[in-house]
Amino acid sequence: MSAIRYNPLAYSEKLVESGLNESTAKVIAQQQQDMYIMNCDHLVTKAHLSHELSVLKMEMQNFLVKCLITAVSVLGILQGIFHFAN
């Protein structure tokens, strides 16, 4: 993923060129930059998502193996109990 660049100075200059006064243009450009930075903190990259999904898959596989081992153990114990009772 290529980096998204935001240049508040260039944005401010374009606002001034379009007729906005300079101080208002600077405030708008700065607020735009602040929102951009805040939103970038919450973005997820493909690599990060792939890693997290791999970890989740491994945890699910471990859970299922533990459930299977528990089920087989319980069945073995029950079979031993019933076999002993007969």
C-alpha atoms as a PDB file:
ATOM      1  CA  MET A   1       0.000   0.000   0.000  1.00  0.00           C
ATOM      2  CA  SER A   2       1.410   3.367  -0.931  1.00  0.00           C
ATOM      3  CA  ALA A   3       1.475   6.072   1.686  1.00  0.00           C
ATOM      4  CA  ILE A   4      -1.150   8.762   1.448  1.00  0.00           C
ATOM      5  CA  ARG A   5       0.439  12.160   1.764  1.00  0.00           C
ATOM      6  CA  TYR A   6      -1.334  15.274   2.919  1.00  0.00           C
ATOM      7  CA  ASN A   7       0.307  18.665   2.607  1.00  0.00           C
ATOM      8  CA  PRO A   8      -1.579  21.203   4.741  1.00  0.00           C
ATOM      9  CA  LEU A   9       0.428  24.113   3.325  1.00  0.00           C
ATOM     10  CA  ALA A  10      -0.503  23.268  -0.273  1.00  0.00           C
ATOM     11  CA  TYR A  11      -4.124  22.738   0.783  1.00  0.00           C
ATOM     12  CA  SER A  12      -4.126  26.081   2.583  1.00  0.00           C
ATOM     13  CA  GLU A  13      -2.683  27.829  -0.470  1.00  0.00           C
ATOM     14  CA  LYS A  14      -5.377  26.347  -2.696  1.00  0.00           C
ATOM     15  CA  LEU A  15      -8.043  27.570  -0.293  1.00  0.00           C
ATOM     16  CA  VAL A  16      -6.533  31.069  -0.363  1.00  0.00           C
ATOM     17  CA  GLU A  17      -6.407  30.960  -4.176  1.00  0.00           C
ATOM     18  CA  SER A  18     -10.087  30.098  -4.244  1.00  0.00           C
ATOM     19  CA  GLY A  19     -10.933  33.230  -2.256  1.00  0.00           C
ATOM     20  CA  LEU A  20     -10.748  32.236   1.413  1.00  0.00           C
ATOM     21  CA  ASN A  21      -8.777  34.481   3.739  1.00  0.00           C
ATOM     22  CA  GLU A  22      -5.392  33.144   4.838  1.00  0.00           C
ATOM     23  CA  SER A  23      -6.133  32.609   8.546  1.00  0.00           C
ATOM     24  CA  THR A  24      -9.334  30.665   7.832  1.00  0.00           C
ATOM     25  CA  ALA A  25      -7.530  28.583   5.212  1.00  0.00           C
ATOM     26  CA  LYS A  26      -4.774  27.697   7.698  1.00  0.00           C
ATOM     27  CA  VAL A  27      -7.298  26.641  10.350  1.00  0.00           C
ATOM     28  CA  ILE A  28      -9.210  24.471   7.867  1.00  0.00           C
ATOM     29  CA  ALA A  29      -5.982  22.883   6.586  1.00  0.00           C
ATOM     30  CA  GLN A  30      -4.783  22.162  10.125  1.00  0.00           C
ATOM     31  CA  GLN A  31      -8.100  20.628  11.154  1.00  0.00           C
ATOM     32  CA  GLN A  32      -8.080  18.524   7.991  1.00  0.00           C
ATOM     33  CA  GLN A  33      -4.600  17.277   8.890  1.00  0.00           C
ATOM     34  CA  ASP A  34      -5.682  16.469  12.459  1.00  0.00           C
ATOM     35  CA  MET A  35      -8.651  14.440  11.186  1.00  0.00           C
ATOM     36  CA  TYR A  36      -6.406  12.629   8.708  1.00  0.00           C
ATOM     37  CA  ILE A  37      -3.917  11.685  11.432  1.00  0.00           C
ATOM     38  CA  MET A  38      -6.706  10.566  13.764  1.00  0.00           C
ATOM     39  CA  ASN A  39      -8.265   8.365  11.054  1.00  0.00           C
ATOM     40  CA  CYS A  40      -4.909   6.848  10.030  1.00  0.00           C
ATOM     41  CA  ASP A  41      -4.471   5.527  13.556  1.00  0.00           C
ATOM     42  CA  HIS A  42      -7.483   3.261  12.976  1.00  0.00           C
ATOM     43  CA  LEU A  43      -6.561   1.906   9.542  1.00  0.00           C
ATOM     44  CA  VAL A  44      -5.685  -1.758   9.212  1.00  0.00           C
ATOM     45  CA  THR A  45      -3.173  -2.952   6.648  1.00  0.00           C
ATOM     46  CA  LYS A  46      -3.557  -6.199   4.731  1.00  0.00           C
ATOM     47  CA  ALA A  47      -0.431  -7.563   6.384  1.00  0.00           C
ATOM     48  CA  HIS A  48      -1.721  -6.786   9.874  1.00  0.00           C
ATOM     49  CA  LEU A  49      -5.127  -8.274   9.102  1.00  0.00           C
ATOM     50  CA  SER A  50      -3.544 -11.384   7.606  1.00  0.00           C
ATOM     51  CA  HIS A  51      -1.382 -11.849  10.701  1.00  0.00           C
ATOM     52  CA  GLU A  52      -4.335 -11.420  13.058  1.00  0.00           C
ATOM     53  CA  LEU A  53      -6.425 -13.901  11.055  1.00  0.00           C
ATOM     54  CA  SER A  54      -3.565 -16.424  11.168  1.00  0.00           C
ATOM     55  CA  VAL A  55      -3.348 -16.073  14.936  1.00  0.00           C
ATOM     56  CA  LEU A  56      -7.122 -16.478  15.256  1.00  0.00           C
ATOM     57  CA  LYS A  57      -7.051 -19.562  13.011  1.00  0.00           C
ATOM     58  CA  MET A  58      -4.325 -21.123  15.151  1.00  0.00           C
ATOM     59  CA  GLU A  59      -6.259 -20.384  18.356  1.00  0.00           C
ATOM     60  CA  MET A  60      -9.411 -21.943  16.888  1.00  0.00           C
ATOM     61  CA  GLN A  61      -7.489 -25.034  15.792  1.00  0.00           C
ATOM     62  CA  ASN A  62      -5.992 -25.404  19.273  1.00  0.00           C
ATOM     63  CA  PHE A  63      -9.441 -25.057  20.822  1.00  0.00           C
ATOM     64  CA  LEU A  64     -10.917 -27.696  18.514  1.00  0.00           C
ATOM     65  CA  VAL A  65      -8.046 -30.109  19.232  1.00  0.00           C
ATOM     66  CA  LYS A  66      -8.589 -29.626  22.973  1.00  0.00           C
ATOM     67  CA  CYS A  67     -12.328 -30.251  22.541  1.00  0.00           C
ATOM     68  CA  LEU A  68     -11.622 -33.401  20.538  1.00  0.00           C
ATOM     69  CA  ILE A  69      -9.149 -34.682  23.126  1.00  0.00           C
ATOM     70  CA  THR A  70     -11.656 -33.980  25.905  1.00  0.00           C
ATOM     71  CA  ALA A  71     -14.466 -35.736  24.012  1.00  0.00           C
ATOM     72  CA  VAL A  72     -12.321 -38.805  23.329  1.00  0.00           C
ATOM     73  CA  SER A  73     -11.191 -38.894  26.963  1.00  0.00           C
ATOM     74  CA  VAL A  74     -14.768 -38.660  28.235  1.00  0.00           C
ATOM     75  CA  LEU A  75     -15.874 -41.405  25.848  1.00  0.00           C
ATOM     76  CA  GLY A  76     -12.972 -43.578  26.984  1.00  0.00           C
ATOM     77  CA  ILE A  77     -13.867 -43.040  30.649  1.00  0.00           C
ATOM     78  CA  LEU A  78     -17.539 -43.773  29.993  1.00  0.00           C
ATOM     79  CA  GLN A  79     -16.650 -46.901  28.042  1.00  0.00           C
ATOM     80  CA  GLY A  80     -14.410 -48.039  30.913  1.00  0.00           C
ATOM     81  CA  ILE A  81     -17.165 -47.397  33.455  1.00  0.00           C
ATOM     82  CA  PHE A  82     -19.797 -49.263  31.461  1.00  0.00           C
ATOM     83  CA  HIS A  83     -17.405 -52.061  30.591  1.00  0.00           C
ATOM     84  CA  PHE A  84     -16.487 -52.433  34.270  1.00  0.00           C
ATOM     85  CA  ALA A  85     -20.186 -52.471  35.268  1.00  0.00           C
ATOM     86  CA  ASN A  86     -20.928 -55.378  32.927  1.00  0.00           C
END
